């Protein structure tokens, strides 16, 4: 019985399916963040790269990675 609603069968316990779903959502969020960050990196000009301490080679290596890495 759920302690909040008092209704049977509405427990919010983690099941293997809900845990796997949470991992999938977390992984998807990380992939999207990587893609967004790399898009911003691609738009940086020479001065911004220099200010960030990123070389052209480091930028190129990062931009060539797939979004899931």
N, C-alpha and C. Protein backbone atom coordinates (compact mmCIF):
# COMPACT_ATOMS: atom_id res chain seq x y z
N UNK A 1 0.84 -1.17 0.00
CA UNK A 1 0.00 0.00 0.00
C UNK A 1 0.89 1.24 0.00
N UNK A 2 0.52 2.20 -0.78
CA UNK A 2 1.26 3.46 -0.86
C UNK A 2 0.98 4.28 0.40
N UNK A 3 2.07 4.75 1.02
CA UNK A 3 1.90 5.50 2.26
C UNK A 3 1.30 6.88 2.02
N UNK A 4 1.40 7.41 0.80
CA UNK A 4 0.87 8.74 0.53
C UNK A 4 -0.61 8.71 0.18
N UNK A 5 -1.00 7.78 -0.70
CA UNK A 5 -2.38 7.78 -1.16
C UNK A 5 -3.25 6.76 -0.45
N UNK A 6 -2.62 5.75 0.18
CA UNK A 6 -3.38 4.72 0.84
C UNK A 6 -3.97 3.70 -0.12
N UNK A 7 -3.63 3.82 -1.41
CA UNK A 7 -4.16 2.90 -2.42
C UNK A 7 -3.22 1.71 -2.56
N UNK A 8 -3.77 0.51 -2.62
CA UNK A 8 -2.92 -0.66 -2.82
C UNK A 8 -2.35 -0.68 -4.23
N UNK A 9 -1.15 -1.20 -4.36
CA UNK A 9 -0.56 -1.38 -5.68
C UNK A 9 0.05 -0.13 -6.29
N UNK A 10 0.21 0.92 -5.53
CA UNK A 10 0.79 2.14 -6.09
C UNK A 10 2.14 2.47 -5.46
N UNK A 11 2.81 1.46 -4.92
CA UNK A 11 4.14 1.67 -4.35
C UNK A 11 5.09 2.17 -5.43
N UNK A 12 5.98 3.05 -5.07
CA UNK A 12 6.94 3.60 -6.02
C UNK A 12 8.32 2.99 -5.78
N UNK A 13 8.35 1.67 -5.71
CA UNK A 13 9.61 0.97 -5.50
C UNK A 13 10.33 0.82 -6.83
N UNK A 14 11.66 0.83 -6.75
CA UNK A 14 12.46 0.64 -7.96
C UNK A 14 12.38 -0.82 -8.39
N UNK A 15 12.00 -1.03 -9.62
CA UNK A 15 11.99 -2.36 -10.20
C UNK A 15 13.12 -2.43 -11.21
N UNK A 16 13.47 -3.63 -11.62
CA UNK A 16 14.52 -3.72 -12.65
C UNK A 16 14.18 -2.90 -13.89
N UNK A 17 12.89 -2.86 -14.27
CA UNK A 17 12.49 -2.10 -15.45
C UNK A 17 12.62 -0.60 -15.23
N UNK A 18 12.20 -0.13 -14.05
CA UNK A 18 12.29 1.32 -13.80
C UNK A 18 13.74 1.76 -13.68
N UNK A 19 14.58 0.89 -13.10
CA UNK A 19 16.00 1.21 -12.98
C UNK A 19 16.65 1.27 -14.36
N UNK A 20 16.32 0.32 -15.22
CA UNK A 20 16.86 0.31 -16.58
C UNK A 20 16.38 1.54 -17.34
N UNK A 21 15.13 1.92 -17.15
CA UNK A 21 14.58 3.11 -17.81
C UNK A 21 15.33 4.36 -17.36
N UNK A 22 15.58 4.47 -16.07
CA UNK A 22 16.32 5.63 -15.55
C UNK A 22 17.73 5.68 -16.12
N UNK A 23 18.38 4.52 -16.25
CA UNK A 23 19.72 4.48 -16.85
C UNK A 23 19.67 4.93 -18.30
N UNK A 24 18.64 4.50 -19.02
CA UNK A 24 18.50 4.90 -20.43
C UNK A 24 18.30 6.41 -20.55
N UNK A 25 17.47 6.97 -19.69
CA UNK A 25 17.22 8.41 -19.73
C UNK A 25 18.50 9.17 -19.39
N UNK A 26 19.24 8.70 -18.38
CA UNK A 26 20.49 9.35 -17.99
C UNK A 26 21.51 9.29 -19.13
N UNK A 27 21.60 8.13 -19.77
CA UNK A 27 22.52 7.96 -20.89
C UNK A 27 22.14 8.88 -22.05
N UNK A 28 20.87 8.94 -22.35
CA UNK A 28 20.39 9.82 -23.43
C UNK A 28 20.70 11.28 -23.11
N UNK A 29 20.51 11.69 -21.88
CA UNK A 29 20.80 13.07 -21.48
C UNK A 29 22.29 13.37 -21.65
N UNK A 30 23.15 12.41 -21.30
CA UNK A 30 24.60 12.61 -21.47
C UNK A 30 24.96 12.74 -22.94
N UNK A 31 24.34 11.92 -23.79
CA UNK A 31 24.61 11.99 -25.23
C UNK A 31 24.20 13.35 -25.80
N UNK A 32 23.04 13.81 -25.40
CA UNK A 32 22.57 15.11 -25.89
C UNK A 32 23.47 16.25 -25.41
N UNK A 33 23.93 16.15 -24.17
CA UNK A 33 24.84 17.17 -23.64
C UNK A 33 26.16 17.17 -24.39
N UNK A 34 26.68 15.98 -24.70
CA UNK A 34 27.93 15.90 -25.48
C UNK A 34 27.75 16.52 -26.86
N UNK A 35 26.64 16.20 -27.51
CA UNK A 35 26.38 16.76 -28.84
C UNK A 35 26.28 18.28 -28.78
N UNK A 36 25.60 18.80 -27.76
CA UNK A 36 25.45 20.25 -27.62
C UNK A 36 26.79 20.91 -27.34
N UNK A 37 27.58 20.31 -26.47
CA UNK A 37 28.89 20.87 -26.14
C UNK A 37 29.81 20.87 -27.35
N UNK A 38 29.78 19.81 -28.12
CA UNK A 38 30.63 19.74 -29.32
C UNK A 38 30.17 20.73 -30.38
N UNK A 39 28.88 20.97 -30.44
CA UNK A 39 28.37 21.97 -31.39
C UNK A 39 28.91 23.36 -31.00
N UNK A 40 28.90 23.66 -29.71
CA UNK A 40 29.45 24.93 -29.25
C UNK A 40 30.95 25.01 -29.50
N UNK A 41 31.65 23.92 -29.29
CA UNK A 41 33.09 23.86 -29.54
C UNK A 41 33.39 24.14 -31.01
N UNK A 42 32.57 23.60 -31.90
CA UNK A 42 32.77 23.81 -33.34
C UNK A 42 32.59 25.27 -33.73
N UNK A 43 31.82 26.01 -32.96
CA UNK A 43 31.54 27.41 -33.28
C UNK A 43 32.57 28.38 -32.70
N UNK A 44 33.48 27.87 -31.88
CA UNK A 44 34.46 28.75 -31.24
C UNK A 44 35.47 29.29 -32.26
N UNK A 45 35.80 30.57 -32.12
CA UNK A 45 36.81 31.16 -33.01
C UNK A 45 38.20 30.98 -32.39
N UNK A 46 39.21 31.45 -33.10
CA UNK A 46 40.61 31.30 -32.69
C UNK A 46 40.87 31.84 -31.27
N UNK A 47 40.36 33.02 -30.99
CA UNK A 47 40.57 33.64 -29.69
C UNK A 47 39.91 32.84 -28.57
N UNK A 48 38.69 32.39 -28.81
CA UNK A 48 37.98 31.61 -27.79
C UNK A 48 38.70 30.29 -27.51
N UNK A 49 39.21 29.65 -28.56
CA UNK A 49 39.97 28.41 -28.36
C UNK A 49 41.21 28.69 -27.53
N UNK A 50 41.91 29.76 -27.87
CA UNK A 50 43.12 30.12 -27.14
C UNK A 50 42.80 30.44 -25.68
N UNK A 51 41.75 31.19 -25.44
CA UNK A 51 41.35 31.54 -24.07
C UNK A 51 40.97 30.30 -23.26
N UNK A 52 40.43 29.30 -23.94
CA UNK A 52 40.01 28.07 -23.26
C UNK A 52 41.15 27.08 -23.09
N UNK A 53 42.29 27.36 -23.74
CA UNK A 53 43.42 26.45 -23.65
C UNK A 53 43.24 25.19 -24.48
N UNK A 54 42.47 25.30 -25.56
CA UNK A 54 42.20 24.16 -26.42
C UNK A 54 42.94 24.35 -27.74
N UNK A 55 43.72 23.35 -28.13
CA UNK A 55 44.44 23.44 -29.40
C UNK A 55 43.52 23.00 -30.54
N UNK A 56 43.94 23.31 -31.76
CA UNK A 56 43.17 22.89 -32.93
C UNK A 56 43.09 21.36 -33.00
N UNK A 57 44.20 20.71 -32.66
CA UNK A 57 44.21 19.25 -32.68
C UNK A 57 43.26 18.64 -31.66
N UNK A 58 43.22 19.23 -30.47
CA UNK A 58 42.29 18.74 -29.44
C UNK A 58 40.84 18.96 -29.86
N UNK A 59 40.59 20.13 -30.46
CA UNK A 59 39.23 20.40 -30.94
C UNK A 59 38.84 19.43 -32.04
N UNK A 60 39.74 19.22 -32.99
CA UNK A 60 39.44 18.29 -34.09
C UNK A 60 39.18 16.88 -33.56
N UNK A 61 40.00 16.44 -32.60
CA UNK A 61 39.81 15.10 -32.04
C UNK A 61 38.46 14.99 -31.34
N UNK A 62 38.08 16.02 -30.61
CA UNK A 62 36.80 16.01 -29.89
C UNK A 62 35.62 16.05 -30.86
N UNK A 63 35.74 16.85 -31.91
CA UNK A 63 34.65 16.97 -32.87
C UNK A 63 34.44 15.71 -33.71
N UNK A 64 35.47 14.90 -33.83
CA UNK A 64 35.35 13.67 -34.63
C UNK A 64 34.84 12.49 -33.82
N UNK A 65 34.68 12.67 -32.53
CA UNK A 65 34.14 11.59 -31.69
C UNK A 65 32.63 11.48 -31.94
N UNK A 66 32.10 10.27 -31.91
CA UNK A 66 30.63 10.13 -32.00
C UNK A 66 30.00 10.62 -30.70
N UNK A 67 28.75 11.05 -30.77
CA UNK A 67 28.10 11.65 -29.62
C UNK A 67 27.92 10.68 -28.45
N UNK A 68 28.01 9.40 -28.70
CA UNK A 68 27.83 8.44 -27.59
C UNK A 68 29.12 8.21 -26.82
N UNK A 69 30.23 8.80 -27.24
CA UNK A 69 31.48 8.69 -26.49
C UNK A 69 31.84 9.99 -25.82
